[in-house]
Amino acid sequence: MTRVYFETDAFIGQELLAVDVPALQALFDDNPEYFYQINDRPPRADEAQSEFDEQVPAHLPHGERWFIGVRERETRSMVAMVNVTAHLGVRHVWHVGLFIVATHLHGQDAAAGIYAALEREIASAGAEWMRLCVVCGNERAERFWARQGYTETRVRRDVDTGGRINDIRVLLKALGSQTLGSYLERVPRDRPESELA
């Protein structure tokens, strides 16, 4: 049975399986704005399969990876996707790898509602910090993550994002009683002066 990670009044976040790759590709093809913004190109024909097959870099210890398709409760159509990796680098740090919401839902608080449900589920699974990366100049994403409570820890320079070289802002959100300072003590590679990948 397909795992359900979270639910809201309007959406259900379920595990994406290999059989769901065509639906994920359709989501990417119908909503190409992210790919143009980040890499100046539309999604590739194998974009969904590549995303599904992508592995965490071998040098980073990690836990479970959640690969989630978000469907509208009424229509069952896929309108968003997110992948999250538990314990990336160190225990209790969860990393949001990619979060895409269909364009027709932009400006309707759908993304914030989906993210809030995801964060609650991750917090209940033991996360103490949430981490993600956003391309410098992707203003919509930068504003969105600031509204969700994320702050910058450092900037990674000259990162190949799959079609273009970009600078990347590393963002962090402390959960519960944790702090940014306690995170940076544990994860020196995310300190502002760090040059590690």
C-alpha atoms as a PDB file:
ATOM      1  CA  MET A   1       0.000   0.000   0.000  1.00  0.00           C
ATOM      2  CA  THR A   2       1.255   3.484  -0.863  1.00  0.00           C
ATOM      3  CA  ARG A   3       2.523   5.389   2.165  1.00  0.00           C
ATOM      4  CA  VAL A   4       0.721   8.624   3.047  1.00  0.00           C
ATOM      5  CA  TYR A   5       3.110  11.158   4.578  1.00  0.00           C
ATOM      6  CA  PHE A   6       0.677  13.980   5.288  1.00  0.00           C
ATOM      7  CA  GLU A   7      -2.807  15.266   4.512  1.00  0.00           C
ATOM      8  CA  THR A   8      -4.489  18.667   4.468  1.00  0.00           C
ATOM      9  CA  ASP A   9      -8.071  19.604   3.705  1.00  0.00           C
ATOM     10  CA  ALA A  10      -7.189  19.944   0.015  1.00  0.00           C
ATOM     11  CA  PHE A  11      -4.113  17.754  -0.556  1.00  0.00           C
ATOM     12  CA  ILE A  12      -2.617  14.341   0.135  1.00  0.00           C
ATOM     13  CA  GLY A  13       1.157  13.791   0.175  1.00  0.00           C
ATOM     14  CA  GLN A  14       1.891  10.200  -0.854  1.00  0.00           C
ATOM     15  CA  GLU A  15       4.999   8.168  -1.592  1.00  0.00           C
ATOM     16  CA  LEU A  16       6.003   8.310  -5.238  1.00  0.00           C
ATOM     17  CA  LEU A  17       6.787   4.930  -6.774  1.00  0.00           C
ATOM     18  CA  ALA A  18       8.342   3.990 -10.107  1.00  0.00           C
ATOM     19  CA  VAL A  19       4.864   3.660 -11.619  1.00  0.00           C
ATOM     20  CA  ASP A  20       4.272   7.360 -10.811  1.00  0.00           C
ATOM     21  CA  VAL A  21       7.204   8.662 -12.871  1.00  0.00           C
ATOM     22  CA  PRO A  22       5.031   9.472 -15.943  1.00  0.00           C
ATOM     23  CA  ALA A  23       2.665  11.552 -13.778  1.00  0.00           C
ATOM     24  CA  LEU A  24       5.656  13.357 -12.287  1.00  0.00           C
ATOM     25  CA  GLN A  25       7.026  14.043 -15.772  1.00  0.00           C
ATOM     26  CA  ALA A  26       3.633  15.475 -16.743  1.00  0.00           C
ATOM     27  CA  LEU A  27       3.766  17.776 -13.699  1.00  0.00           C
ATOM     28  CA  PHE A  28       7.198  19.004 -14.773  1.00  0.00           C
ATOM     29  CA  ASP A  29       6.188  19.418 -18.429  1.00  0.00           C
ATOM     30  CA  ASP A  30       3.005  21.318 -17.558  1.00  0.00           C
ATOM     31  CA  ASN A  31       4.819  23.593 -15.096  1.00  0.00           C
ATOM     32  CA  PRO A  32       8.252  24.339 -16.588  1.00  0.00           C
ATOM     33  CA  GLU A  33       8.841  27.676 -14.861  1.00  0.00           C
ATOM     34  CA  TYR A  34      11.242  26.257 -12.255  1.00  0.00           C
ATOM     35  CA  PHE A  35      13.452  24.697 -14.921  1.00  0.00           C
ATOM     36  CA  TYR A  36      13.623  27.916 -16.942  1.00  0.00           C
ATOM     37  CA  GLN A  37      14.358  29.917 -13.788  1.00  0.00           C
ATOM     38  CA  ILE A  38      17.182  27.646 -12.635  1.00  0.00           C
ATOM     39  CA  ASN A  39      18.703  26.308 -15.861  1.00  0.00           C
ATOM     40  CA  ASP A  40      17.310  28.407 -18.747  1.00  0.00           C
ATOM     41  CA  ARG A  41      15.669  25.371 -20.314  1.00  0.00           C
ATOM     42  CA  PRO A  42      12.464  23.327 -20.172  1.00  0.00           C
ATOM     43  CA  PRO A  43      12.405  20.030 -18.275  1.00  0.00           C
ATOM     44  CA  ARG A  44      14.189  17.257 -20.137  1.00  0.00           C
ATOM     45  CA  ALA A  45      12.222  14.271 -21.410  1.00  0.00           C
ATOM     46  CA  ASP A  46      13.772  12.139 -18.641  1.00  0.00           C
ATOM     47  CA  GLU A  47      13.621  14.808 -15.909  1.00  0.00           C
ATOM     48  CA  ALA A  48      11.230  12.855 -13.680  1.00  0.00           C
ATOM     49  CA  GLN A  49      13.147   9.599 -14.040  1.00  0.00           C
ATOM     50  CA  SER A  50      16.425  11.360 -13.237  1.00  0.00           C
ATOM     51  CA  GLU A  51      14.863  12.957 -10.166  1.00  0.00           C
ATOM     52  CA  PHE A  52      13.438   9.602  -9.074  1.00  0.00           C
ATOM     53  CA  ASP A  53      16.792   7.843  -9.548  1.00  0.00           C
ATOM     54  CA  GLU A  54      18.985  10.548  -7.994  1.00  0.00           C
ATOM     55  CA  GLN A  55      21.054   9.428  -5.024  1.00  0.00           C
ATOM     56  CA  VAL A  56      22.478  11.368  -2.098  1.00  0.00           C
ATOM     57  CA  PRO A  57      26.211  12.084  -2.664  1.00  0.00           C
ATOM     58  CA  ALA A  58      28.251   9.146  -1.412  1.00  0.00           C
ATOM     59  CA  HIS A  59      30.350  11.261   0.980  1.00  0.00           C
ATOM     60  CA  LEU A  60      27.288  12.357   2.979  1.00  0.00           C
ATOM     61  CA  PRO A  61      25.812  10.001   5.574  1.00  0.00           C
ATOM     62  CA  HIS A  62      22.025  10.065   5.577  1.00  0.00           C
ATOM     63  CA  GLY A  63      18.855   8.308   6.569  1.00  0.00           C
ATOM     64  CA  GLU A  64      15.605   7.653   4.757  1.00  0.00           C
ATOM     65  CA  ARG A  65      14.647   9.610   1.637  1.00  0.00           C
ATOM     66  CA  TRP A  66      11.017  10.668   1.263  1.00  0.00           C
ATOM     67  CA  PHE A  67       9.950  11.112  -2.364  1.00  0.00           C
ATOM     68  CA  ILE A  68       6.459  12.591  -2.253  1.00  0.00           C
ATOM     69  CA  GLY A  69       3.804  13.387  -4.829  1.00  0.00           C
ATOM     70  CA  VAL A  70       1.103  15.783  -3.676  1.00  0.00           C
ATOM     71  CA  ARG A  71      -2.338  15.190  -5.142  1.00  0.00           C
ATOM     72  CA  GLU A  72      -5.504  17.227  -4.952  1.00  0.00           C
ATOM     73  CA  ARG A  73      -7.931  15.430  -2.708  1.00  0.00           C
ATOM     74  CA  GLU A  74     -10.900  15.939  -5.062  1.00  0.00           C
ATOM     75  CA  THR A  75      -9.349  15.336  -8.494  1.00  0.00           C
ATOM     76  CA  ARG A  76      -6.443  13.050  -7.435  1.00  0.00           C
ATOM     77  CA  SER A  77      -4.256  14.934  -9.924  1.00  0.00           C
ATOM     78  CA  MET A  78      -0.611  15.521  -8.976  1.00  0.00           C
ATOM     79  CA  VAL A  79      -0.072  19.220  -8.316  1.00  0.00           C
ATOM     80  CA  ALA A  80       3.201  19.247  -6.382  1.00  0.00           C
ATOM     81  CA  MET A  81       6.196  17.148  -5.465  1.00  0.00           C
ATOM     82  CA  VAL A  82       8.872  17.253  -2.795  1.00  0.00           C
ATOM     83  CA  ASN A  83      11.808  15.106  -1.840  1.00  0.00           C
ATOM     84  CA  VAL A  84      13.325  15.158   1.624  1.00  0.00           C
ATOM     85  CA  THR A  85      16.340  13.356   3.075  1.00  0.00           C
ATOM     86  CA  ALA A  86      16.555  12.534   6.768  1.00  0.00           C
ATOM     87  CA  HIS A  87      19.731  12.965   8.833  1.00  0.00           C
ATOM     88  CA  LEU A  88      21.716  14.484   5.975  1.00  0.00           C
ATOM     89  CA  GLY A  89      25.301  14.812   7.118  1.00  0.00           C
ATOM     90  CA  VAL A  90      24.407  14.648  10.816  1.00  0.00           C
ATOM     91  CA  ARG A  91      21.538  13.285  12.897  1.00  0.00           C
ATOM     92  CA  HIS A  92      18.312  15.297  13.117  1.00  0.00           C
ATOM     93  CA  VAL A  93      19.029  17.495  10.060  1.00  0.00           C
ATOM     94  CA  TRP A  94      16.452  16.997   7.321  1.00  0.00           C
ATOM     95  CA  HIS A  95      17.153  18.384   3.862  1.00  0.00           C
ATOM     96  CA  VAL A  96      14.479  19.501   1.363  1.00  0.00           C
ATOM     97  CA  GLY A  97      15.956  18.627  -2.026  1.00  0.00           C
ATOM     98  CA  LEU A  98      13.273  19.848  -4.423  1.00  0.00           C
ATOM     99  CA  PHE A  99       9.835  21.366  -3.904  1.00  0.00           C
ATOM    100  CA  ILE A 100       7.722  22.209  -6.956  1.00  0.00           C
ATOM    101  CA  VAL A 101       4.089  23.349  -6.916  1.00  0.00           C
ATOM    102  CA  ALA A 102       1.932  23.682 -10.049  1.00  0.00           C
ATOM    103  CA  THR A 103       1.865  27.226 -11.399  1.00  0.00           C
ATOM    104  CA  HIS A 104      -1.921  27.547 -11.186  1.00  0.00           C
ATOM    105  CA  LEU A 105      -1.631  27.209  -7.390  1.00  0.00           C
ATOM    106  CA  HIS A 106       0.925  30.002  -6.992  1.00  0.00           C
ATOM    107  CA  GLY A 107      -0.330  32.918  -4.921  1.00  0.00           C
ATOM    108  CA  GLN A 108      -3.054  30.836  -3.240  1.00  0.00           C
ATOM    109  CA  ASP A 109      -1.192  29.750  -0.092  1.00  0.00           C
ATOM    110  CA  ALA A 110      -1.232  26.164  -1.364  1.00  0.00           C
ATOM    111  CA  ALA A 111       2.550  25.852  -1.203  1.00  0.00           C
ATOM    112  CA  ALA A 112       2.645  27.199   2.357  1.00  0.00           C
ATOM    113  CA  GLY A 113      -0.081  24.778   3.439  1.00  0.00           C
ATOM    114  CA  ILE A 114       1.660  21.815   1.843  1.00  0.00           C
ATOM    115  CA  TYR A 115       4.989  22.799   3.358  1.00  0.00           C
ATOM    116  CA  ALA A 116       3.471  23.294   6.835  1.00  0.00           C
ATOM    117  CA  ALA A 117       1.975  19.788   6.740  1.00  0.00           C
ATOM    118  CA  LEU A 118       5.309  18.369   5.596  1.00  0.00           C
ATOM    119  CA  GLU A 119       7.217  20.189   8.327  1.00  0.00           C
ATOM    120  CA  ARG A 120       4.853  18.909  11.017  1.00  0.00           C
ATOM    121  CA  GLU A 121       5.418  15.346   9.825  1.00  0.00           C
ATOM    122  CA  ILE A 122       9.191  15.796   9.722  1.00  0.00           C
ATOM    123  CA  ALA A 123       9.244  17.366  13.188  1.00  0.00           C
ATOM    124  CA  SER A 124       7.234  14.433  14.553  1.00  0.00           C
ATOM    125  CA  ALA A 125       9.863  12.113  13.023  1.00  0.00           C
ATOM    126  CA  GLY A 126      12.571  13.750  15.135  1.00  0.00           C
ATOM    127  CA  ALA A 127      13.944  16.577  13.000  1.00  0.00           C
ATOM    128  CA  GLU A 128      15.646  19.396  14.889  1.00  0.00           C
ATOM    129  CA  TRP A 129      16.668  21.426  11.860  1.00  0.00           C
ATOM    130  CA  MET A 130      15.371  21.795   8.307  1.00  0.00           C
ATOM    131  CA  ARG A 131      17.873  22.641   5.568  1.00  0.00           C
ATOM    132  CA  LEU A 132      17.558  23.463   1.878  1.00  0.00           C
ATOM    133  CA  CYS A 133      19.293  25.300  -0.943  1.00  0.00           C
ATOM    134  CA  VAL A 134      17.889  27.965  -3.250  1.00  0.00           C
ATOM    135  CA  VAL A 135      19.464  29.512  -6.339  1.00  0.00           C
ATOM    136  CA  CYS A 136      20.500  33.131  -5.819  1.00  0.00           C
ATOM    137  CA  GLY A 137      18.152  35.353  -7.794  1.00  0.00           C
ATOM    138  CA  ASN A 138      15.203  32.948  -7.731  1.00  0.00           C
ATOM    139  CA  GLU A 139      13.214  35.685  -6.030  1.00  0.00           C
ATOM    140  CA  ARG A 140       9.917  33.810  -5.732  1.00  0.00           C
ATOM    141  CA  ALA A 141      11.627  30.917  -3.941  1.00  0.00           C
ATOM    142  CA  GLU A 142      13.750  33.225  -1.791  1.00  0.00           C
ATOM    143  CA  ARG A 143      10.652  35.120  -0.611  1.00  0.00           C
ATOM    144  CA  PHE A 144       8.717  31.906  -0.009  1.00  0.00           C
ATOM    145  CA  TRP A 145      11.384  30.283   2.152  1.00  0.00           C
ATOM    146  CA  ALA A 146      11.916  33.485   4.138  1.00  0.00           C
ATOM    147  CA  ARG A 147       8.180  33.471   4.927  1.00  0.00           C
ATOM    148  CA  GLN A 148       8.502  29.883   6.168  1.00  0.00           C
ATOM    149  CA  GLY A 149      11.155  30.967   8.675  1.00  0.00           C
ATOM    150  CA  TYR A 150      14.395  30.016   6.895  1.00  0.00           C
ATOM    151  CA  THR A 151      17.591  32.051   7.209  1.00  0.00           C
ATOM    152  CA  GLU A 152      20.819  31.939   5.210  1.00  0.00           C
ATOM    153  CA  THR A 153      23.875  30.214   6.624  1.00  0.00           C
ATOM    154  CA  ARG A 154      26.230  30.558   3.647  1.00  0.00           C
ATOM    155  CA  VAL A 155      26.474  30.893  -0.150  1.00  0.00           C
ATOM    156  CA  ARG A 156      27.969  28.157  -2.340  1.00  0.00           C
ATOM    157  CA  ARG A 157      29.566  29.574  -5.494  1.00  0.00           C
ATOM    158  CA  ASP A 158      29.587  28.225  -9.049  1.00  0.00           C
ATOM    159  CA  VAL A 159      27.357  25.168  -8.641  1.00  0.00           C
ATOM    160  CA  ASP A 160      26.255  23.250 -11.743  1.00  0.00           C
ATOM    161  CA  THR A 161      22.504  22.861 -11.273  1.00  0.00           C
ATOM    162  CA  GLY A 162      21.915  20.846 -14.437  1.00  0.00           C
ATOM    163  CA  GLY A 163      22.258  23.330 -17.257  1.00  0.00           C
ATOM    164  CA  ARG A 164      23.685  26.511 -15.782  1.00  0.00           C
ATOM    165  CA  ILE A 165      26.299  27.515 -13.209  1.00  0.00           C
ATOM    166  CA  ASN A 166      24.585  29.202 -10.263  1.00  0.00           C
ATOM    167  CA  ASP A 167      25.385  30.536  -6.828  1.00  0.00           C
ATOM    168  CA  ILE A 168      23.358  28.720  -4.164  1.00  0.00           C
ATOM    169  CA  ARG A 169      22.086  30.055  -0.830  1.00  0.00           C
ATOM    170  CA  VAL A 170      22.091  27.436   1.947  1.00  0.00           C
ATOM    171  CA  LEU A 171      19.068  28.066   4.183  1.00  0.00           C
ATOM    172  CA  LEU A 172      18.224  26.658   7.591  1.00  0.00           C
ATOM    173  CA  LYS A 173      15.262  26.573   9.940  1.00  0.00           C
ATOM    174  CA  ALA A 174      15.707  25.476  13.561  1.00  0.00           C
ATOM    175  CA  LEU A 175      12.799  23.534  15.030  1.00  0.00           C
ATOM    176  CA  GLY A 176      11.709  23.467  18.662  1.00  0.00           C
ATOM    177  CA  SER A 177      14.353  24.792  21.040  1.00  0.00           C
ATOM    178  CA  GLN A 178      17.273  24.399  18.638  1.00  0.00           C
ATOM    179  CA  THR A 179      19.238  27.376  17.287  1.00  0.00           C
ATOM    180  CA  LEU A 180      21.235  28.337  14.223  1.00  0.00           C
ATOM    181  CA  GLY A 181      24.339  28.510  16.398  1.00  0.00           C
ATOM    182  CA  SER A 182      23.960  24.967  17.685  1.00  0.00           C
ATOM    183  CA  TYR A 183      23.529  23.779  14.108  1.00  0.00           C
ATOM    184  CA  LEU A 184      26.688  25.509  12.884  1.00  0.00           C
ATOM    185  CA  GLU A 185      28.653  23.944  15.747  1.00  0.00           C
ATOM    186  CA  ARG A 186      27.635  20.528  14.431  1.00  0.00           C
ATOM    187  CA  VAL A 187      27.822  21.305  10.689  1.00  0.00           C
ATOM    188  CA  PRO A 188      30.934  23.399   9.982  1.00  0.00           C
ATOM    189  CA  ARG A 189      30.532  23.001   6.221  1.00  0.00           C
ATOM    190  CA  ASP A 190      27.494  25.310   6.408  1.00  0.00           C
ATOM    191  CA  ARG A 191      29.296  28.108   8.241  1.00  0.00           C
ATOM    192  CA  PRO A 192      29.493  31.382   6.312  1.00  0.00           C
ATOM    193  CA  GLU A 193      33.255  31.105   5.804  1.00  0.00           C
ATOM    194  CA  SER A 194      33.112  27.496   4.550  1.00  0.00           C
ATOM    195  CA  GLU A 195      34.135  26.673   0.988  1.00  0.00           C
ATOM    196  CA  LEU A 196      33.172  23.000   1.140  1.00  0.00           C
ATOM    197  CA  ALA A 197      30.615  21.684  -1.368  1.00  0.00           C
END
